[in-house]
């Protein structure tokens, strides 16, 4: 994964699982927390991402249980997933640092005052 970046939903799901295993609804709630309410992930988007991340070996099923007659899966980050998220975090940090550097170079400079007309 070092040669391409993660799409935002993937990065958010991996981030939500970075500290503890979570089931689907808890991941959705954690994404809201991580983004301070700016991103409300749809259930279909979440489960499509989870299926893909399972296939890629970035997450694993931590446990399964039946709750109210329905199967609830709890997902956890794998070592590969942790490594991928770490690389993505470093990539984003480097990009932000470069943007800050360039913004500082282009910062408006104070205008010089001239004392014209005084003798």
PDB file of N, CA and C in Angstrom:
ATOM      1  N   UNK A   1       0.805  -1.195   0.000  1.00  0.00           N
ATOM      2  CA  UNK A   1       0.000   0.000   0.000  1.00  0.00           C
ATOM      3  C   UNK A   1       0.853   1.265   0.000  1.00  0.00           C
ATOM      4  N   UNK A   2       2.148   1.167   0.095  1.00  0.00           N
ATOM      5  CA  UNK A   2       3.004   2.334   0.179  1.00  0.00           C
ATOM      6  C   UNK A   2       2.954   3.179  -1.075  1.00  0.00           C
ATOM      7  N   UNK A   3       2.568   2.605  -2.219  1.00  0.00           N
ATOM      8  CA  UNK A   3       2.601   3.342  -3.476  1.00  0.00           C
ATOM      9  C   UNK A   3       1.288   4.052  -3.797  1.00  0.00           C
ATOM     10  N   UNK A   4       0.252   3.895  -2.991  1.00  0.00           N
ATOM     11  CA  UNK A   4      -0.994   4.615  -3.227  1.00  0.00           C
ATOM     12  C   UNK A   4      -1.624   4.988  -1.889  1.00  0.00           C
ATOM     13  N   UNK A   5      -2.434   6.014  -1.940  1.00  0.00           N
ATOM     14  CA  UNK A   5      -3.037   6.483  -0.699  1.00  0.00           C
ATOM     15  C   UNK A   5      -4.379   5.802  -0.446  1.00  0.00           C
ATOM     16  N   UNK A   6      -4.814   5.890   0.795  1.00  0.00           N
ATOM     17  CA  UNK A   6      -6.099   5.325   1.176  1.00  0.00           C
ATOM     18  C   UNK A   6      -7.209   6.324   0.880  1.00  0.00           C
ATOM     19  N   UNK A   7      -8.341   5.835   0.444  1.00  0.00           N
ATOM     20  CA  UNK A   7      -9.510   6.687   0.291  1.00  0.00           C
ATOM     21  C   UNK A   7     -10.026   7.012   1.689  1.00  0.00           C
ATOM     22  N   UNK A   8     -10.699   8.137   1.813  1.00  0.00           N
ATOM     23  CA  UNK A   8     -11.129   8.596   3.129  1.00  0.00           C
ATOM     24  C   UNK A   8     -11.955   7.563   3.904  1.00  0.00           C
ATOM     25  N   UNK A   9     -12.961   6.901   3.315  1.00  0.00           N
ATOM     26  CA  UNK A   9     -13.716   5.919   4.104  1.00  0.00           C
ATOM     27  C   UNK A   9     -12.829   4.804   4.666  1.00  0.00           C
ATOM     28  N   UNK A  10     -11.874   4.351   3.865  1.00  0.00           N
ATOM     29  CA  UNK A  10     -10.956   3.294   4.320  1.00  0.00           C
ATOM     30  C   UNK A  10     -10.111   3.798   5.480  1.00  0.00           C
ATOM     31  N   UNK A  11      -9.564   5.001   5.325  1.00  0.00           N
ATOM     32  CA  UNK A  11      -8.724   5.575   6.388  1.00  0.00           C
ATOM     33  C   UNK A  11      -9.531   5.761   7.671  1.00  0.00           C
ATOM     34  N   UNK A  12     -10.772   6.205   7.526  1.00  0.00           N
ATOM     35  CA  UNK A  12     -11.608   6.422   8.709  1.00  0.00           C
ATOM     36  C   UNK A  12     -11.938   5.112   9.420  1.00  0.00           C
ATOM     37  N   UNK A  13     -12.247   4.069   8.656  1.00  0.00           N
ATOM     38  CA  UNK A  13     -12.543   2.764   9.268  1.00  0.00           C
ATOM     39  C   UNK A  13     -11.304   2.229   9.989  1.00  0.00           C
ATOM     40  N   UNK A  14     -10.145   2.293   9.336  1.00  0.00           N
ATOM     41  CA  UNK A  14      -8.918   1.813   9.981  1.00  0.00           C
ATOM     42  C   UNK A  14      -8.606   2.626  11.229  1.00  0.00           C
ATOM     43  N   UNK A  15      -8.821   3.926  11.165  1.00  0.00           N
ATOM     44  CA  UNK A  15      -8.583   4.779  12.330  1.00  0.00           C
ATOM     45  C   UNK A  15      -9.532   4.414  13.463  1.00  0.00           C
ATOM     46  N   UNK A  16     -10.790   4.146  13.131  1.00  0.00           N
ATOM     47  CA  UNK A  16     -11.780   3.765  14.146  1.00  0.00           C
ATOM     48  C   UNK A  16     -11.403   2.463  14.849  1.00  0.00           C
ATOM     49  N   UNK A  17     -10.679   1.599  14.136  1.00  0.00           N
ATOM     50  CA  UNK A  17     -10.293   0.301  14.716  1.00  0.00           C
ATOM     51  C   UNK A  17      -8.886   0.317  15.320  1.00  0.00           C
ATOM     52  N   UNK A  18      -8.195   1.434  15.230  1.00  0.00           N
ATOM     53  CA  UNK A  18      -6.793   1.482  15.661  1.00  0.00           C
ATOM     54  C   UNK A  18      -6.614   1.268  17.156  1.00  0.00           C
ATOM     55  N   UNK A  19      -7.568   1.690  17.962  1.00  0.00           N
ATOM     56  CA  UNK A  19      -7.373   1.575  19.411  1.00  0.00           C
ATOM     57  C   UNK A  19      -8.077   0.389  20.050  1.00  0.00           C
ATOM     58  N   UNK A  20      -9.143  -0.095  19.403  1.00  0.00           N
ATOM     59  CA  UNK A  20      -9.886  -1.221  19.986  1.00  0.00           C
ATOM     60  C   UNK A  20     -10.792  -1.848  18.919  1.00  0.00           C
ATOM     61  N   UNK A  21     -11.089  -3.140  19.026  1.00  0.00           N
ATOM     62  CA  UNK A  21     -12.037  -3.765  18.092  1.00  0.00           C
ATOM     63  C   UNK A  21     -13.433  -3.150  18.265  1.00  0.00           C
ATOM     64  N   UNK A  22     -14.186  -3.087  17.170  1.00  0.00           N
ATOM     65  CA  UNK A  22     -15.529  -2.517  17.209  1.00  0.00           C
ATOM     66  C   UNK A  22     -16.437  -3.263  16.235  1.00  0.00           C
ATOM     67  N   UNK A  23     -17.734  -3.252  16.534  1.00  0.00           N
ATOM     68  CA  UNK A  23     -18.730  -3.784  15.590  1.00  0.00           C
ATOM     69  C   UNK A  23     -19.196  -2.642  14.696  1.00  0.00           C
ATOM     70  N   UNK A  24     -19.968  -2.965  13.670  1.00  0.00           N
ATOM     71  CA  UNK A  24     -20.346  -2.007  12.637  1.00  0.00           C
ATOM     72  C   UNK A  24     -20.923  -0.703  13.152  1.00  0.00           C
ATOM     73  N   UNK A  25     -21.946  -0.778  14.012  1.00  0.00           N
ATOM     74  CA  UNK A  25     -22.574   0.448  14.503  1.00  0.00           C
ATOM     75  C   UNK A  25     -21.569   1.286  15.292  1.00  0.00           C
ATOM     76  N   UNK A  26     -20.733   0.625  16.074  1.00  0.00           N
ATOM     77  CA  UNK A  26     -19.729   1.360  16.850  1.00  0.00           C
ATOM     78  C   UNK A  26     -18.706   2.037  15.928  1.00  0.00           C
ATOM     79  N   UNK A  27     -18.389   1.405  14.799  1.00  0.00           N
ATOM     80  CA  UNK A  27     -17.472   2.028  13.824  1.00  0.00           C
ATOM     81  C   UNK A  27     -18.126   3.286  13.257  1.00  0.00           C
ATOM     82  N   UNK A  28     -19.409   3.195  12.901  1.00  0.00           N
ATOM     83  CA  UNK A  28     -20.120   4.363  12.374  1.00  0.00           C
ATOM     84  C   UNK A  28     -20.098   5.513  13.378  1.00  0.00           C
ATOM     85  N   UNK A  29     -20.336   5.202  14.642  1.00  0.00           N
ATOM     86  CA  UNK A  29     -20.322   6.235  15.680  1.00  0.00           C
ATOM     87  C   UNK A  29     -18.921   6.809  15.883  1.00  0.00           C
ATOM     88  N   UNK A  30     -17.919   5.957  15.798  1.00  0.00           N
ATOM     89  CA  UNK A  30     -16.536   6.405  15.965  1.00  0.00           C
ATOM     90  C   UNK A  30     -16.108   7.309  14.813  1.00  0.00           C
ATOM     91  N   UNK A  31     -16.566   7.016  13.610  1.00  0.00           N
ATOM     92  CA  UNK A  31     -16.271   7.883  12.461  1.00  0.00           C
ATOM     93  C   UNK A  31     -16.857   9.275  12.713  1.00  0.00           C
ATOM     94  N   UNK A  32     -18.057   9.343  13.242  1.00  0.00           N
ATOM     95  CA  UNK A  32     -18.644  10.641  13.593  1.00  0.00           C
ATOM     96  C   UNK A  32     -17.775  11.380  14.610  1.00  0.00           C
ATOM     97  N   UNK A  33     -17.279  10.651  15.594  1.00  0.00           N
ATOM     98  CA  UNK A  33     -16.422  11.257  16.617  1.00  0.00           C
ATOM     99  C   UNK A  33     -15.106  11.742  16.016  1.00  0.00           C
ATOM    100  N   UNK A  34     -14.466  10.893  15.229  1.00  0.00           N
ATOM    101  CA  UNK A  34     -13.175  11.222  14.613  1.00  0.00           C
ATOM    102  C   UNK A  34     -13.286  12.481  13.759  1.00  0.00           C
ATOM    103  N   UNK A  35     -14.384  12.603  13.023  1.00  0.00           N
ATOM    104  CA  UNK A  35     -14.557  13.721  12.093  1.00  0.00           C
ATOM    105  C   UNK A  35     -15.342  14.879  12.721  1.00  0.00           C
ATOM    106  N   UNK A  36     -15.573  14.794  14.011  1.00  0.00           N
ATOM    107  CA  UNK A  36     -16.331  15.820  14.732  1.00  0.00           C
ATOM    108  C   UNK A  36     -17.684  16.078  14.076  1.00  0.00           C
ATOM    109  N   UNK A  37     -18.322  14.984  13.627  1.00  0.00           N
ATOM    110  CA  UNK A  37     -19.654  15.049  13.056  1.00  0.00           C
ATOM    111  C   UNK A  37     -19.726  15.449  11.597  1.00  0.00           C
ATOM    112  N   UNK A  38     -18.584  15.705  10.964  1.00  0.00           N
ATOM    113  CA  UNK A  38     -18.586  16.150   9.567  1.00  0.00           C
ATOM    114  C   UNK A  38     -18.839  15.019   8.578  1.00  0.00           C
ATOM    115  N   UNK A  39     -18.552  13.778   8.958  1.00  0.00           N
ATOM    116  CA  UNK A  39     -18.729  12.652   8.040  1.00  0.00           C
ATOM    117  C   UNK A  39     -19.666  11.630   8.656  1.00  0.00           C
ATOM    118  N   UNK A  40     -20.783  11.437   7.986  1.00  0.00           N
ATOM    119  CA  UNK A  40     -21.753  10.411   8.400  1.00  0.00           C
ATOM    120  C   UNK A  40     -21.679   9.314   7.353  1.00  0.00           C
ATOM    121  N   UNK A  41     -20.997   8.228   7.689  1.00  0.00           N
ATOM    122  CA  UNK A  41     -20.809   7.130   6.746  1.00  0.00           C
ATOM    123  C   UNK A  41     -22.095   6.312   6.647  1.00  0.00           C
ATOM    124  N   UNK A  42     -22.483   6.009   5.425  1.00  0.00           N
ATOM    125  CA  UNK A  42     -23.668   5.187   5.202  1.00  0.00           C
ATOM    126  C   UNK A  42     -23.351   3.728   5.519  1.00  0.00           C
ATOM    127  N   UNK A  43     -24.353   2.997   5.968  1.00  0.00           N
ATOM    128  CA  UNK A  43     -24.172   1.592   6.319  1.00  0.00           C
ATOM    129  C   UNK A  43     -23.633   0.782   5.145  1.00  0.00           C
ATOM    130  N   UNK A  44     -24.175   1.020   3.953  1.00  0.00           N
ATOM    131  CA  UNK A  44     -23.709   0.294   2.768  1.00  0.00           C
ATOM    132  C   UNK A  44     -22.246   0.570   2.471  1.00  0.00           C
ATOM    133  N   UNK A  45     -21.824   1.828   2.637  1.00  0.00           N
ATOM    134  CA  UNK A  45     -20.422   2.195   2.431  1.00  0.00           C
ATOM    135  C   UNK A  45     -19.540   1.479   3.435  1.00  0.00           C
ATOM    136  N   UNK A  46     -19.988   1.453   4.690  1.00  0.00           N
ATOM    137  CA  UNK A  46     -19.209   0.796   5.739  1.00  0.00           C
ATOM    138  C   UNK A  46     -19.020  -0.688   5.431  1.00  0.00           C
ATOM    139  N   UNK A  47     -20.098  -1.400   5.140  1.00  0.00           N
ATOM    140  CA  UNK A  47     -19.977  -2.846   4.964  1.00  0.00           C
ATOM    141  C   UNK A  47     -19.258  -3.219   3.676  1.00  0.00           C
ATOM    142  N   UNK A  48     -19.363  -2.381   2.659  1.00  0.00           N
ATOM    143  CA  UNK A  48     -18.552  -2.593   1.451  1.00  0.00           C
ATOM    144  C   UNK A  48     -17.074  -2.442   1.791  1.00  0.00           C
ATOM    145  N   UNK A  49     -16.754  -1.394   2.563  1.00  0.00           N
ATOM    146  CA  UNK A  49     -15.358  -1.170   2.980  1.00  0.00           C
ATOM    147  C   UNK A  49     -14.865  -2.316   3.862  1.00  0.00           C
ATOM    148  N   UNK A  50     -15.692  -2.764   4.802  1.00  0.00           N
ATOM    149  CA  UNK A  50     -15.275  -3.854   5.697  1.00  0.00           C
ATOM    150  C   UNK A  50     -14.984  -5.127   4.900  1.00  0.00           C
ATOM    151  N   UNK A  51     -15.843  -5.466   3.943  1.00  0.00           N
ATOM    152  CA  UNK A  51     -15.610  -6.659   3.113  1.00  0.00           C
ATOM    153  C   UNK A  51     -14.283  -6.550   2.363  1.00  0.00           C
ATOM    154  N   UNK A  52     -14.034  -5.374   1.773  1.00  0.00           N
ATOM    155  CA  UNK A  52     -12.792  -5.153   1.028  1.00  0.00           C
ATOM    156  C   UNK A  52     -11.575  -5.212   1.960  1.00  0.00           C
ATOM    157  N   UNK A  53     -11.676  -4.610   3.129  1.00  0.00           N
ATOM    158  CA  UNK A  53     -10.557  -4.607   4.077  1.00  0.00           C
ATOM    159  C   UNK A  53     -10.272  -6.008   4.616  1.00  0.00           C
ATOM    160  N   UNK A  54     -11.308  -6.811   4.780  1.00  0.00           N
ATOM    161  CA  UNK A  54     -11.116  -8.212   5.172  1.00  0.00           C
ATOM    162  C   UNK A  54     -10.353  -8.964   4.091  1.00  0.00           C
ATOM    163  N   UNK A  55     -10.773  -8.778   2.828  1.00  0.00           N
ATOM    164  CA  UNK A  55     -10.104  -9.446   1.706  1.00  0.00           C
ATOM    165  C   UNK A  55      -8.650  -9.012   1.565  1.00  0.00           C
ATOM    166  N   UNK A  56      -8.366  -7.754   1.868  1.00  0.00           N
ATOM    167  CA  UNK A  56      -7.002  -7.230   1.750  1.00  0.00           C
ATOM    168  C   UNK A  56      -6.133  -7.575   2.964  1.00  0.00           C
ATOM    169  N   UNK A  57      -6.751  -8.165   3.988  1.00  0.00           N
ATOM    170  CA  UNK A  57      -5.996  -8.537   5.178  1.00  0.00           C
ATOM    171  C   UNK A  57      -5.652  -7.363   6.087  1.00  0.00           C
ATOM    172  N   UNK A  58      -6.363  -6.247   5.939  1.00  0.00           N
ATOM    173  CA  UNK A  58      -6.101  -5.075   6.781  1.00  0.00           C
ATOM    174  C   UNK A  58      -6.869  -5.134   8.095  1.00  0.00           C
ATOM    175  N   UNK A  59      -7.983  -5.874   8.091  1.00  0.00           N
ATOM    176  CA  UNK A  59      -8.749  -6.110   9.310  1.00  0.00           C
ATOM    177  C   UNK A  59      -9.076  -7.597   9.395  1.00  0.00           C
ATOM    178  N   UNK A  60      -9.525  -8.006  10.570  1.00  0.00           N
ATOM    179  CA  UNK A  60      -9.945  -9.394  10.774  1.00  0.00           C
ATOM    180  C   UNK A  60     -11.208  -9.377  11.622  1.00  0.00           C
ATOM    181  N   UNK A  61     -11.922 -10.487  11.606  1.00  0.00           N
ATOM    182  CA  UNK A  61     -13.070 -10.619  12.505  1.00  0.00           C
ATOM    183  C   UNK A  61     -12.522 -11.032  13.867  1.00  0.00           C
ATOM    184  N   UNK A  62     -12.787 -10.206  14.863  1.00  0.00           N
ATOM    185  CA  UNK A  62     -12.303 -10.451  16.219  1.00  0.00           C
ATOM    186  C   UNK A  62     -13.203 -11.450  16.936  1.00  0.00           C
ATOM    187  N   UNK A  63     -14.504 -11.272  16.767  1.00  0.00           N
ATOM    188  CA  UNK A  63     -15.464 -12.219  17.356  1.00  0.00           C
ATOM    189  C   UNK A  63     -16.819 -12.049  16.679  1.00  0.00           C
ATOM    190  N   UNK A  64     -17.635 -13.066  16.836  1.00  0.00           N
ATOM    191  CA  UNK A  64     -19.001 -13.044  16.323  1.00  0.00           C
ATOM    192  C   UNK A  64     -19.927 -13.457  17.449  1.00  0.00           C
ATOM    193  N   UNK A  65     -21.064 -12.794  17.533  1.00  0.00           N
ATOM    194  CA  UNK A  65     -22.059 -13.151  18.536  1.00  0.00           C
ATOM    195  C   UNK A  65     -23.438 -12.855  17.985  1.00  0.00           C
ATOM    196  N   UNK A  66     -24.428 -13.520  18.514  1.00  0.00           N
ATOM    197  CA  UNK A  66     -25.798 -13.278  18.102  1.00  0.00           C
ATOM    198  C   UNK A  66     -26.425 -12.338  19.123  1.00  0.00           C
ATOM    199  N   UNK A  67     -26.914 -11.212  18.612  1.00  0.00           N
ATOM    200  CA  UNK A  67     -27.557 -10.203  19.456  1.00  0.00           C
ATOM    201  C   UNK A  67     -28.931  -9.930  18.869  1.00  0.00           C
ATOM    202  N   UNK A  68     -29.961 -10.140  19.687  1.00  0.00           N
ATOM    203  CA  UNK A  68     -31.349  -9.942  19.246  1.00  0.00           C
ATOM    204  C   UNK A  68     -31.632 -10.717  17.962  1.00  0.00           C
ATOM    205  N   UNK A  69     -31.105 -11.934  17.872  1.00  0.00           N
ATOM    206  CA  UNK A  69     -31.370 -12.799  16.730  1.00  0.00           C
ATOM    207  C   UNK A  69     -30.554 -12.483  15.491  1.00  0.00           C
ATOM    208  N   UNK A  70     -29.631 -11.522  15.596  1.00  0.00           N
ATOM    209  CA  UNK A  70     -28.810 -11.144  14.438  1.00  0.00           C
ATOM    210  C   UNK A  70     -27.339 -11.352  14.764  1.00  0.00           C
ATOM    211  N   UNK A  71     -26.601 -11.739  13.739  1.00  0.00           N
ATOM    212  CA  UNK A  71     -25.165 -11.937  13.905  1.00  0.00           C
ATOM    213  C   UNK A  71     -24.473 -10.580  13.987  1.00  0.00           C
ATOM    214  N   UNK A  72     -23.668 -10.396  15.019  1.00  0.00           N
ATOM    215  CA  UNK A  72     -22.881  -9.179  15.166  1.00  0.00           C
ATOM    216  C   UNK A  72     -21.412  -9.561  15.093  1.00  0.00           C
ATOM    217  N   UNK A  73     -20.719  -8.973  14.134  1.00  0.00           N
ATOM    218  CA  UNK A  73     -19.281  -9.192  13.992  1.00  0.00           C
ATOM    219  C   UNK A  73     -18.530  -8.001  14.570  1.00  0.00           C
ATOM    220  N   UNK A  74     -17.481  -8.316  15.282  1.00  0.00           N
ATOM    221  CA  UNK A  74     -16.598  -7.282  15.800  1.00  0.00           C
ATOM    222  C   UNK A  74     -15.297  -7.390  15.020  1.00  0.00           C
ATOM    223  N   UNK A  75     -14.821  -6.256  14.510  1.00  0.00           N
ATOM    224  CA  UNK A  75     -13.650  -6.208  13.644  1.00  0.00           C
ATOM    225  C   UNK A  75     -12.466  -5.605  14.382  1.00  0.00           C
ATOM    226  N   UNK A  76     -11.282  -6.071  14.008  1.00  0.00           N
ATOM    227  CA  UNK A  76     -10.043  -5.566  14.606  1.00  0.00           C
ATOM    228  C   UNK A  76      -9.023  -5.324  13.506  1.00  0.00           C
ATOM    229  N   UNK A  77      -8.118  -4.418  13.771  1.00  0.00           N
ATOM    230  CA  UNK A  77      -7.029  -4.126  12.849  1.00  0.00           C
ATOM    231  C   UNK A  77      -6.005  -5.257  12.898  1.00  0.00           C
ATOM    232  N   UNK A  78      -5.491  -5.650  11.755  1.00  0.00           N
ATOM    233  CA  UNK A  78      -4.386  -6.616  11.717  1.00  0.00           C
ATOM    234  C   UNK A  78      -3.066  -5.848  11.765  1.00  0.00           C
ATOM    235  N   UNK A  79      -1.960  -6.540  11.892  1.00  0.00           N
ATOM    236  CA  UNK A  79      -0.655  -5.875  11.857  1.00  0.00           C
ATOM    237  C   UNK A  79      -0.445  -5.190  10.512  1.00  0.00           C
ATOM    238  N   UNK A  80      -0.887  -5.854   9.439  1.00  0.00           N
ATOM    239  CA  UNK A  80      -0.801  -5.250   8.105  1.00  0.00           C
ATOM    240  C   UNK A  80      -1.631  -3.962   8.055  1.00  0.00           C
ATOM    241  N   UNK A  81      -2.809  -3.986   8.652  1.00  0.00           N
ATOM    242  CA  UNK A  81      -3.665  -2.801   8.704  1.00  0.00           C
ATOM    243  C   UNK A  81      -3.028  -1.684   9.522  1.00  0.00           C
ATOM    244  N   UNK A  82      -2.422  -2.042  10.635  1.00  0.00           N
ATOM    245  CA  UNK A  82      -1.743  -1.052  11.483  1.00  0.00           C
ATOM    246  C   UNK A  82      -0.584  -0.418  10.712  1.00  0.00           C
ATOM    247  N   UNK A  83       0.180  -1.237  10.006  1.00  0.00           N
ATOM    248  CA  UNK A  83       1.308  -0.738   9.219  1.00  0.00           C
ATOM    249  C   UNK A  83       0.812   0.189   8.101  1.00  0.00           C
ATOM    250  N   UNK A  84      -0.260  -0.208   7.426  1.00  0.00           N
ATOM    251  CA  UNK A  84      -0.821   0.598   6.341  1.00  0.00           C
ATOM    252  C   UNK A  84      -1.325   1.934   6.864  1.00  0.00           C
ATOM    253  N   UNK A  85      -2.017   1.931   8.002  1.00  0.00           N
ATOM    254  CA  UNK A  85      -2.514   3.170   8.587  1.00  0.00           C
ATOM    255  C   UNK A  85      -1.351   4.064   9.031  1.00  0.00           C
ATOM    256  N   UNK A  86      -0.302   3.471   9.562  1.00  0.00           N
ATOM    257  CA  UNK A  86       0.879   4.236   9.963  1.00  0.00           C
ATOM    258  C   UNK A  86       1.512   4.914   8.748  1.00  0.00           C
ATOM    259  N   UNK A  87       1.670   4.173   7.655  1.00  0.00           N
ATOM    260  CA  UNK A  87       2.227   4.749   6.420  1.00  0.00           C
ATOM    261  C   UNK A  87       1.348   5.886   5.899  1.00  0.00           C
ATOM    262  N   UNK A  88       0.045   5.704   5.937  1.00  0.00           N
ATOM    263  CA  UNK A  88      -0.874   6.741   5.460  1.00  0.00           C
ATOM    264  C   UNK A  88      -0.783   7.981   6.342  1.00  0.00           C
ATOM    265  N   UNK A  89      -0.675   7.779   7.634  1.00  0.00           N
ATOM    266  CA  UNK A  89      -0.543   8.902   8.560  1.00  0.00           C
ATOM    267  C   UNK A  89       0.731   9.686   8.274  1.00  0.00           C
ATOM    268  N   UNK A  90       1.819   8.983   8.029  1.00  0.00           N
ATOM    269  CA  UNK A  90       3.086   9.652   7.699  1.00  0.00           C
ATOM    270  C   UNK A  90       2.981  10.398   6.375  1.00  0.00           C
ATOM    271  N   UNK A  91       2.298   9.820   5.392  1.00  0.00           N
ATOM    272  CA  UNK A  91       2.115  10.480   4.097  1.00  0.00           C
ATOM    273  C   UNK A  91       1.312  11.763   4.259  1.00  0.00           C
ATOM    274  N   UNK A  92       0.225  11.698   5.020  1.00  0.00           N
ATOM    275  CA  UNK A  92      -0.602  12.881   5.243  1.00  0.00           C
ATOM    276  C   UNK A  92       0.163  13.955   6.020  1.00  0.00           C
ATOM    277  N   UNK A  93       0.925  13.524   7.015  1.00  0.00           N
ATOM    278  CA  UNK A  93       1.723  14.466   7.809  1.00  0.00           C
ATOM    279  C   UNK A  93       2.749  15.179   6.925  1.00  0.00           C
ATOM    280  N   UNK A  94       3.421  14.440   6.047  1.00  0.00           N
ATOM    281  CA  UNK A  94       4.411  15.043   5.147  1.00  0.00           C
ATOM    282  C   UNK A  94       3.740  16.033   4.196  1.00  0.00           C
ATOM    283  N   UNK A  95       2.582  15.688   3.691  1.00  0.00           N
ATOM    284  CA  UNK A  95       1.852  16.591   2.806  1.00  0.00           C
ATOM    285  C   UNK A  95       1.428  17.866   3.519  1.00  0.00           C
ATOM    286  N   UNK A  96       0.959  17.728   4.750  1.00  0.00           N
ATOM    287  CA  UNK A  96       0.560  18.904   5.527  1.00  0.00           C
ATOM    288  C   UNK A  96       1.770  19.783   5.835  1.00  0.00           C
ATOM    289  N   UNK A  97       2.908  19.174   6.155  1.00  0.00           N
ATOM    290  CA  UNK A  97       4.127  19.937   6.440  1.00  0.00           C
ATOM    291  C   UNK A  97       4.572  20.716   5.208  1.00  0.00           C
ATOM    292  N   UNK A  98       4.472  20.096   4.034  1.00  0.00           N
ATOM    293  CA  UNK A  98       4.858  20.786   2.806  1.00  0.00           C
ATOM    294  C   UNK A  98       3.904  21.952   2.521  1.00  0.00           C
ATOM    295  N   UNK A  99       2.631  21.770   2.747  1.00  0.00           N
ATOM    296  CA  UNK A  99       1.672  22.850   2.553  1.00  0.00           C
ATOM    297  C   UNK A  99       1.978  24.009   3.504  1.00  0.00           C
ATOM    298  N   UNK A 100       2.273  23.682   4.768  1.00  0.00           N
ATOM    299  CA  UNK A 100       2.623  24.726   5.738  1.00  0.00           C
ATOM    300  C   UNK A 100       3.887  25.469   5.316  1.00  0.00           C
ATOM    301  N   UNK A 101       4.875  24.737   4.824  1.00  0.00           N
ATOM    302  CA  UNK A 101       6.129  25.354   4.394  1.00  0.00           C
ATOM    303  C   UNK A 101       5.869  26.340   3.259  1.00  0.00           C
ATOM    304  N   UNK A 102       5.086  25.906   2.293  1.00  0.00           N
ATOM    305  CA  UNK A 102       4.810  26.760   1.139  1.00  0.00           C
ATOM    306  C   UNK A 102       3.947  27.959   1.518  1.00  0.00           C
ATOM    307  N   UNK A 103       3.015  27.742   2.418  1.00  0.00           N
ATOM    308  CA  UNK A 103       2.205  28.868   2.883  1.00  0.00           C
ATOM    309  C   UNK A 103       3.080  29.914   3.586  1.00  0.00           C
ATOM    310  N   UNK A 104       4.029  29.433   4.371  1.00  0.00           N
ATOM    311  CA  UNK A 104       4.930  30.358   5.070  1.00  0.00           C
ATOM    312  C   UNK A 104       5.784  31.142   4.079  1.00  0.00           C
ATOM    313  N   UNK A 105       6.206  30.502   3.007  1.00  0.00           N
ATOM    314  CA  UNK A 105       7.010  31.203   1.999  1.00  0.00           C
ATOM    315  C   UNK A 105       6.192  32.276   1.284  1.00  0.00           C
ATOM    316  N   UNK A 106       4.948  32.013   1.111  1.00  0.00           N
ATOM    317  CA  UNK A 106       4.086  32.953   0.405  1.00  0.00           C
ATOM    318  C   UNK A 106       3.324  33.883   1.330  1.00  0.00           C
ATOM    319  N   UNK A 107       3.696  33.912   2.591  1.00  0.00           N
ATOM    320  CA  UNK A 107       2.987  34.755   3.556  1.00  0.00           C
ATOM    321  C   UNK A 107       3.098  36.221   3.154  1.00  0.00           C
ATOM    322  N   UNK A 108       2.029  36.961   3.316  1.00  0.00           N
ATOM    323  CA  UNK A 108       2.102  38.387   2.984  1.00  0.00           C
ATOM    324  C   UNK A 108       3.154  39.075   3.845  1.00  0.00           C
ATOM    325  N   UNK A 109       3.920  39.915   3.198  1.00  0.00           N
ATOM    326  CA  UNK A 109       4.964  40.638   3.921  1.00  0.00           C
ATOM    327  C   UNK A 109       4.425  42.018   4.287  1.00  0.00           C
ATOM    328  N   UNK A 110       4.858  42.542   5.429  1.00  0.00           N
ATOM    329  CA  UNK A 110       4.388  43.874   5.799  1.00  0.00           C
ATOM    330  C   UNK A 110       4.806  44.899   4.761  1.00  0.00           C
ATOM    331  N   UNK A 111       3.921  45.789   4.456  1.00  0.00           N
ATOM    332  CA  UNK A 111       4.232  46.835   3.473  1.00  0.00           C
ATOM    333  C   UNK A 111       5.188  47.843   4.106  1.00  0.00           C
ATOM    334  N   UNK A 112       6.163  48.239   3.324  1.00  0.00           N
ATOM    335  CA  UNK A 112       7.113  49.241   3.785  1.00  0.00           C
ATOM    336  C   UNK A 112       6.481  50.616   3.683  1.00  0.00           C
ATOM    337  N   UNK A 113       6.644  51.380   4.718  1.00  0.00           N
ATOM    338  CA  UNK A 113       6.137  52.761   4.708  1.00  0.00           C
ATOM    339  C   UNK A 113       7.234  53.669   4.146  1.00  0.00           C
ATOM    340  N   UNK A 114       6.834  54.495   3.308  1.00  0.00           N
ATOM    341  CA  UNK A 114       7.783  55.482   2.771  1.00  0.00           C
ATOM    342  C   UNK A 114       7.394  56.849   3.269  1.00  0.00           C
ATOM    343  N   UNK A 115       8.358  57.647   3.528  1.00  0.00           N
ATOM    344  CA  UNK A 115       8.108  59.004   4.001  1.00  0.00           C
ATOM    345  C   UNK A 115       8.311  59.978   2.842  1.00  0.00           C
ATOM    346  N   UNK A 116       7.499  59.901   1.888  1.00  0.00           N
ATOM    347  CA  UNK A 116       7.566  60.793   0.732  1.00  0.00           C
ATOM    348  C   UNK A 116       7.008  62.162   1.117  1.00  0.00           C
ATOM    349  N   UNK A 117       7.596  63.128   0.537  1.00  0.00           N
ATOM    350  CA  UNK A 117       7.093  64.464   0.748  1.00  0.00           C
ATOM    351  C   UNK A 117       7.656  65.143   1.979  1.00  0.00           C
ATOM    352  N   UNK A 118       8.513  64.491   2.709  1.00  0.00           N
ATOM    353  CA  UNK A 118       9.128  65.146   3.867  1.00  0.00           C
ATOM    354  C   UNK A 118      10.533  65.542   3.507  1.00  0.00           C
ATOM    355  N   UNK A 119      10.905  66.732   3.906  1.00  0.00           N
ATOM    356  CA  UNK A 119      12.253  67.187   3.581  1.00  0.00           C
ATOM    357  C   UNK A 119      12.980  67.625   4.798  1.00  0.00           C
TER     358      UNK A 119
END
